[in-house]
C-alpha atoms as a PDB file:
ATOM      1  CA  MET A   1     116.373 109.065 116.335  1.00  0.00           C
ATOM      2  CA  ARG A   2     116.599 106.310 113.722  1.00  0.00           C
ATOM      3  CA  LEU A   3     115.413 106.947 110.163  1.00  0.00           C
ATOM      4  CA  THR A   4     112.769 104.234 110.576  1.00  0.00           C
ATOM      5  CA  VAL A   5     111.097 106.089 113.412  1.00  0.00           C
ATOM      6  CA  LYS A   6     111.303 109.417 111.611  1.00  0.00           C
ATOM      7  CA  LEU A   7     109.794 108.020 108.423  1.00  0.00           C
ATOM      8  CA  LEU A   8     107.061 106.419 110.512  1.00  0.00           C
ATOM      9  CA  VAL A   9     106.156 109.904 111.738  1.00  0.00           C
ATOM     10  CA  ILE A  10     105.755 111.016 108.112  1.00  0.00           C
ATOM     11  CA  VAL A  11     103.653 107.994 107.292  1.00  0.00           C
ATOM     12  CA  VAL A  12     101.374 108.437 110.318  1.00  0.00           C
ATOM     13  CA  PHE A  13     101.022 112.144 109.564  1.00  0.00           C
ATOM     14  CA  CYS A  14      99.784 111.290 106.081  1.00  0.00           C
ATOM     15  CA  GLY A  15      97.121 109.055 107.555  1.00  0.00           C
ATOM     16  CA  VAL A  16      98.876 105.853 106.644  1.00  0.00           C
ATOM     17  CA  ILE A  17      98.593 103.034 109.125  1.00  0.00           C
ATOM     18  CA  ALA A  18     100.299  99.906 107.922  1.00  0.00           C
ATOM     19  CA  SER A  19     101.124  96.498 109.205  1.00  0.00           C
ATOM     20  CA  ALA A  20     103.756  94.271 107.691  1.00  0.00           C
ATOM     21  CA  GLN A  21     104.228  90.604 106.890  1.00  0.00           C
ATOM     22  CA  ALA A  22     106.844  88.577 104.967  1.00  0.00           C
ATOM     23  CA  PRO A  23     109.620  89.676 102.565  1.00  0.00           C
ATOM     24  CA  ALA A  24     108.832  90.791  99.041  1.00  0.00           C
ATOM     25  CA  GLN A  25     108.596  88.250  96.234  1.00  0.00           C
ATOM     26  CA  ALA A  26     109.346  88.475  92.522  1.00  0.00           C
ATOM     27  CA  PRO A  27     106.759  90.265  90.351  1.00  0.00           C
ATOM     28  CA  SER A  28     105.630  86.880  88.961  1.00  0.00           C
ATOM     29  CA  ASP A  29     104.231  86.232  92.436  1.00  0.00           C
ATOM     30  CA  ALA A  30     102.122  89.373  92.362  1.00  0.00           C
ATOM     31  CA  GLN A  31      98.698  89.483  93.934  1.00  0.00           C
ATOM     32  CA  GLN A  32      95.887  91.038  91.958  1.00  0.00           C
ATOM     33  CA  PHE A  33      93.580  93.649  93.454  1.00  0.00           C
ATOM     34  CA  SER A  34      90.384  95.008  91.940  1.00  0.00           C
ATOM     35  CA  LYS A  35      87.698  97.177  93.482  1.00  0.00           C
ATOM     36  CA  GLY A  36      85.223  99.212  91.483  1.00  0.00           C
ATOM     37  CA  ASP A  37      86.979 100.352  88.329  1.00  0.00           C
ATOM     38  CA  LEU A  38      90.477 100.393  89.931  1.00  0.00           C
ATOM     39  CA  SER A  39      92.836  97.433  89.642  1.00  0.00           C
ATOM     40  CA  PHE A  40      96.543  96.768  90.175  1.00  0.00           C
ATOM     41  CA  ASN A  41      99.058  94.082  91.122  1.00  0.00           C
ATOM     42  CA  TYR A  42     101.311  94.152  94.152  1.00  0.00           C
ATOM     43  CA  PRO A  43     103.941  91.667  95.366  1.00  0.00           C
ATOM     44  CA  LYS A  44     102.998  88.822  97.684  1.00  0.00           C
ATOM     45  CA  GLY A  45     104.295  89.400 101.184  1.00  0.00           C
ATOM     46  CA  TRP A  46     103.194  93.034 101.184  1.00  0.00           C
ATOM     47  CA  THR A  47     100.296  94.043 103.404  1.00  0.00           C
ATOM     48  CA  LEU A  48      97.623  96.186 101.789  1.00  0.00           C
ATOM     49  CA  THR A  49      95.786  98.600 104.088  1.00  0.00           C
ATOM     50  CA  ASP A  50      92.582 100.172 102.742  1.00  0.00           C
ATOM     51  CA  MET A  51      92.099 103.787 103.878  1.00  0.00           C
ATOM     52  CA  SER A  52      89.447 104.708 101.289  1.00  0.00           C
ATOM     53  CA  ASP A  53      86.792 107.316 101.976  1.00  0.00           C
ATOM     54  CA  GLY A  54      83.975 109.022 100.080  1.00  0.00           C
ATOM     55  CA  ASP A  55      86.414 111.082  97.974  1.00  0.00           C
ATOM     56  CA  ALA A  56      89.123 108.597  97.072  1.00  0.00           C
ATOM     57  CA  GLN A  57      90.332 105.031  97.030  1.00  0.00           C
ATOM     58  CA  GLN A  58      93.493 105.008  99.161  1.00  0.00           C
ATOM     59  CA  TYR A  59      95.792 102.065  99.824  1.00  0.00           C
ATOM     60  CA  SER A  60      99.125 101.717 101.569  1.00  0.00           C
ATOM     61  CA  PHE A  61     101.557  98.817 101.288  1.00  0.00           C
ATOM     62  CA  ALA A  62     104.180  97.725 103.805  1.00  0.00           C
ATOM     63  CA  ASN A  63     106.517  94.796 104.315  1.00  0.00           C
ATOM     64  CA  SER A  64     108.436  93.775 107.448  1.00  0.00           C
ATOM     65  CA  ALA A  65     111.642  93.311 105.426  1.00  0.00           C
ATOM     66  CA  ALA A  66     111.406  96.788 103.889  1.00  0.00           C
ATOM     67  CA  ASP A  67     111.822 100.133 105.603  1.00  0.00           C
ATOM     68  CA  ILE A  68     109.662 101.728 102.891  1.00  0.00           C
ATOM     69  CA  GLN A  69     106.004 102.417 102.354  1.00  0.00           C
ATOM     70  CA  MET A  70     104.149 102.593  99.054  1.00  0.00           C
ATOM     71  CA  ARG A  71     100.853 104.418  98.699  1.00  0.00           C
ATOM     72  CA  VAL A  72      98.125 104.750  96.027  1.00  0.00           C
ATOM     73  CA  PHE A  73      95.490 107.512  96.024  1.00  0.00           C
ATOM     74  CA  ALA A  74      92.843 107.478  93.273  1.00  0.00           C
ATOM     75  CA  HIS A  75      90.312 110.314  93.423  1.00  0.00           C
ATOM     76  CA  LYS A  76      86.816 108.985  92.735  1.00  0.00           C
ATOM     77  CA  GLY A  77      85.732 111.850  90.498  1.00  0.00           C
ATOM     78  CA  ARG A  78      86.547 111.851  86.808  1.00  0.00           C
ATOM     79  CA  ILE A  79      87.926 114.978  85.172  1.00  0.00           C
ATOM     80  CA  ALA A  80      89.028 116.108  81.740  1.00  0.00           C
ATOM     81  CA  ALA A  81      92.760 116.503  81.111  1.00  0.00           C
ATOM     82  CA  GLU A  82      92.481 120.311  81.049  1.00  0.00           C
ATOM     83  CA  LYS A  83      91.259 120.214  84.687  1.00  0.00           C
ATOM     84  CA  LEU A  84      94.384 118.442  85.985  1.00  0.00           C
ATOM     85  CA  PRO A  85      96.197 121.738  86.807  1.00  0.00           C
ATOM     86  CA  GLU A  86      93.235 122.717  89.032  1.00  0.00           C
ATOM     87  CA  ALA A  87      93.360 119.324  90.786  1.00  0.00           C
ATOM     88  CA  LYS A  88      97.100 119.797  91.302  1.00  0.00           C
ATOM     89  CA  LYS A  89      96.503 123.119  93.049  1.00  0.00           C
ATOM     90  CA  ALA A  90      93.561 121.781  95.067  1.00  0.00           C
ATOM     91  CA  PHE A  91      95.042 118.636  96.593  1.00  0.00           C
ATOM     92  CA  ILE A  92      98.366 117.529  95.083  1.00  0.00           C
ATOM     93  CA  ASP A  93     100.372 120.671  95.970  1.00  0.00           C
ATOM     94  CA  PRO A  94      99.035 120.765  99.573  1.00  0.00           C
ATOM     95  CA  TYR A  95      99.916 117.066  99.965  1.00  0.00           C
ATOM     96  CA  ILE A  96     103.494 117.663  98.764  1.00  0.00           C
ATOM     97  CA  SER A  97     103.776 120.678 101.060  1.00  0.00           C
ATOM     98  CA  SER A  98     102.638 118.634 104.077  1.00  0.00           C
ATOM     99  CA  ILE A  99     105.339 116.017 103.435  1.00  0.00           C
ATOM    100  CA  GLU A 100     107.947 118.756 103.031  1.00  0.00           C
ATOM    101  CA  LYS A 101     106.895 120.331 106.354  1.00  0.00           C
ATOM    102  CA  GLN A 102     107.222 116.984 108.123  1.00  0.00           C
ATOM    103  CA  PHE A 103     110.824 116.637 106.960  1.00  0.00           C
ATOM    104  CA  VAL A 104     111.539 120.151 108.256  1.00  0.00           C
ATOM    105  CA  ALA A 105     109.806 119.397 111.592  1.00  0.00           C
ATOM    106  CA  MET A 106     112.143 116.424 112.023  1.00  0.00           C
ATOM    107  CA  GLY A 107     115.177 118.655 111.578  1.00  0.00           C
ATOM    108  CA  ALA A 108     115.924 117.769 107.961  1.00  0.00           C
ATOM    109  CA  THR A 109     116.459 120.170 105.091  1.00  0.00           C
ATOM    110  CA  PRO A 110     114.590 118.572 102.202  1.00  0.00           C
ATOM    111  CA  GLN A 111     115.606 119.217  98.633  1.00  0.00           C
ATOM    112  CA  LYS A 112     112.717 119.291  96.169  1.00  0.00           C
ATOM    113  CA  LEU A 113     113.500 118.111  92.655  1.00  0.00           C
ATOM    114  CA  PRO A 114     111.103 117.654  89.720  1.00  0.00           C
ATOM    115  CA  ASP A 115     110.833 114.114  88.408  1.00  0.00           C
ATOM    116  CA  THR A 116     108.788 112.046  85.973  1.00  0.00           C
ATOM    117  CA  SER A 117     107.697 108.447  85.888  1.00  0.00           C
ATOM    118  CA  GLU A 118     104.723 106.495  84.615  1.00  0.00           C
ATOM    119  CA  ILE A 119     101.587 105.210  86.282  1.00  0.00           C
ATOM    120  CA  GLY A 120      99.844 102.404  84.425  1.00  0.00           C
ATOM    121  CA  GLY A 121     101.410 103.360  81.109  1.00  0.00           C
ATOM    122  CA  VAL A 122     100.554 107.062  81.485  1.00  0.00           C
ATOM    123  CA  LYS A 123     103.308 109.684  81.810  1.00  0.00           C
ATOM    124  CA  ALA A 124     103.340 110.949  85.392  1.00  0.00           C
ATOM    125  CA  ASP A 125     104.772 114.207  86.681  1.00  0.00           C
ATOM    126  CA  GLY A 126     106.307 114.181  90.115  1.00  0.00           C
ATOM    127  CA  VAL A 127     108.705 115.443  92.722  1.00  0.00           C
ATOM    128  CA  GLN A 128     111.374 113.879  94.864  1.00  0.00           C
ATOM    129  CA  LEU A 129     111.803 115.257  98.355  1.00  0.00           C
ATOM    130  CA  THR A 130     115.243 114.101  99.453  1.00  0.00           C
ATOM    131  CA  ALA A 131     116.720 114.543 102.915  1.00  0.00           C
ATOM    132  CA  SER A 132     119.132 112.997 105.342  1.00  0.00           C
ATOM    133  CA  LEU A 133     117.554 111.845 108.600  1.00  0.00           C
ATOM    134  CA  GLY A 134     119.896 110.638 111.291  1.00  0.00           C
ATOM    135  CA  GLY A 135     122.716 110.594 108.746  1.00  0.00           C
ATOM    136  CA  GLU A 136     120.850 108.248 106.395  1.00  0.00           C
ATOM    137  CA  PRO A 137     119.698 109.586 103.003  1.00  0.00           C
ATOM    138  CA  GLY A 138     116.070 108.992 102.106  1.00  0.00           C
ATOM    139  CA  ALA A 139     113.244 110.321 100.017  1.00  0.00           C
ATOM    140  CA  ALA A 140     109.558 110.780  99.489  1.00  0.00           C
ATOM    141  CA  LYS A 141     108.832 110.304  95.787  1.00  0.00           C
ATOM    142  CA  ILE A 142     105.408 111.585  94.744  1.00  0.00           C
ATOM    143  CA  TYR A 143     103.953 111.110  91.249  1.00  0.00           C
ATOM    144  CA  TRP A 144     100.578 111.996  89.755  1.00  0.00           C
ATOM    145  CA  ALA A 145      98.756 111.347  86.487  1.00  0.00           C
ATOM    146  CA  LEU A 146      95.303 111.277  84.975  1.00  0.00           C
ATOM    147  CA  VAL A 147      94.514 107.578  84.506  1.00  0.00           C
ATOM    148  CA  GLY A 148      91.153 106.652  83.018  1.00  0.00           C
ATOM    149  CA  GLY A 149      89.887 110.146  83.781  1.00  0.00           C
ATOM    150  CA  ARG A 150      90.754 109.887  87.508  1.00  0.00           C
ATOM    151  CA  VAL A 151      93.612 111.634  89.324  1.00  0.00           C
ATOM    152  CA  VAL A 152      96.018 109.013  90.662  1.00  0.00           C
ATOM    153  CA  ILE A 153      98.802 109.943  93.107  1.00  0.00           C
ATOM    154  CA  MET A 154     101.487 107.425  94.052  1.00  0.00           C
ATOM    155  CA  THR A 155     103.967 107.919  96.873  1.00  0.00           C
ATOM    156  CA  LEU A 156     107.089 105.996  97.871  1.00  0.00           C
ATOM    157  CA  PHE A 157     108.680 106.793 101.268  1.00  0.00           C
ATOM    158  CA  GLY A 158     111.893 105.399 102.677  1.00  0.00           C
ATOM    159  CA  PRO A 159     115.657 105.361 102.950  1.00  0.00           C
ATOM    160  CA  ASP A 160     117.559 105.261  99.663  1.00  0.00           C
ATOM    161  CA  ARG A 161     118.998 101.805 100.402  1.00  0.00           C
ATOM    162  CA  ASP A 162     115.533 100.214 100.620  1.00  0.00           C
ATOM    163  CA  ILE A 163     114.071 102.260  97.772  1.00  0.00           C
ATOM    164  CA  LYS A 164     116.747 100.674  95.560  1.00  0.00           C
ATOM    165  CA  LYS A 165     116.447  97.217  97.119  1.00  0.00           C
ATOM    166  CA  PHE A 166     112.669  97.044  96.652  1.00  0.00           C
ATOM    167  CA  ALA A 167     112.425  98.864  93.307  1.00  0.00           C
ATOM    168  CA  THR A 168     110.778  95.806  91.730  1.00  0.00           C
ATOM    169  CA  ALA A 169     107.916  95.932  94.251  1.00  0.00           C
ATOM    170  CA  TRP A 170     107.340  99.627  93.478  1.00  0.00           C
ATOM    171  CA  ASP A 171     107.515  99.006  89.730  1.00  0.00           C
ATOM    172  CA  THR A 172     105.004  96.141  89.972  1.00  0.00           C
ATOM    173  CA  LEU A 173     102.477  98.388  91.696  1.00  0.00           C
ATOM    174  CA  ARG A 174     103.172 101.512  89.640  1.00  0.00           C
ATOM    175  CA  THR A 175     103.050  99.927  86.196  1.00  0.00           C
ATOM    176  CA  THR A 176      99.938  97.786  86.703  1.00  0.00           C
ATOM    177  CA  ILE A 177      97.499 100.510  87.854  1.00  0.00           C
ATOM    178  CA  LYS A 178      94.392 100.456  85.650  1.00  0.00           C
ATOM    179  CA  ILE A 179      91.125 102.343  85.792  1.00  0.00           C
ATOM    180  CA  ALA A 180      88.381 100.981  83.576  1.00  0.00           C
ATOM    181  CA  GLU A 181      86.410 103.443  81.528  1.00  0.00           C
ATOM    182  CA  PRO A 182      82.858 103.909  82.793  1.00  0.00           C
ATOM    183  CA  ALA A 183      80.210 101.807  81.113  1.00  0.00           C
ATOM    184  CA  PRO A 184      78.175 103.868  78.636  1.00  0.00           C
ATOM    185  CA  ALA A 185      74.747 104.844  79.903  1.00  0.00           C
ATOM    186  CA  ALA A 186      72.005 102.636  78.566  1.00  0.00           C
ATOM    187  CA  SER A 187      69.887 104.404  76.017  1.00  0.00           C
ATOM    188  CA  PRO A 188      66.145 103.793  76.164  1.00  0.00           C
ATOM    189  CA  SER A 189      64.751 101.415  73.600  1.00  0.00           C
ATOM    190  CA  PRO A 190      62.287 102.895  71.156  1.00  0.00           C
ATOM    191  CA  LYS A 191      58.728 101.840  71.868  1.00  0.00           C
ATOM    192  CA  PRO A 192      57.192  99.722  69.184  1.00  0.00           C
ATOM    193  CA  SER A 193      54.464 101.343  67.101  1.00  0.00           C
ATOM    194  CA  PRO A 194      50.931 100.137  67.796  1.00  0.00           C
END
């Protein structure tokens, strides 16, 4: 079974349904996206699929010239930094575990390595799940950070060759994530004295 088909199984398992269009362009040709308080840029030629629900804004990105998939998950609730370890236990660790189990189900022996990156200028912790599928090395790179008080998880799936080839597309998305701070609540005006 080709790596493409095996990675597609991972992507479908994670609830990612993507369609693809034209090859990736340079970051200067980036498209801008903004919805609610979340905004980011992504390269032209990449198809954005919105899978948002009541709990999170979720977007996947695919391109017909790339055998990779990029994904953004931004939880809608805001939390304080000291609550991030609880969020990690509640939904980040189970997500990583589900990806790991998919590699195993496909006959691979994934290696899990800690990693770091940045999401929108914020230091992001992460893991790389590396495996060889059908003789081709690949990875699922998963990073998370608290951006603007919201938990953001970014995932990159694919064979190593395309992860390297399309690194600029990933960097464009990853580095431009922004979450605007909530507007302060309006305070009532004092009533004039009679």
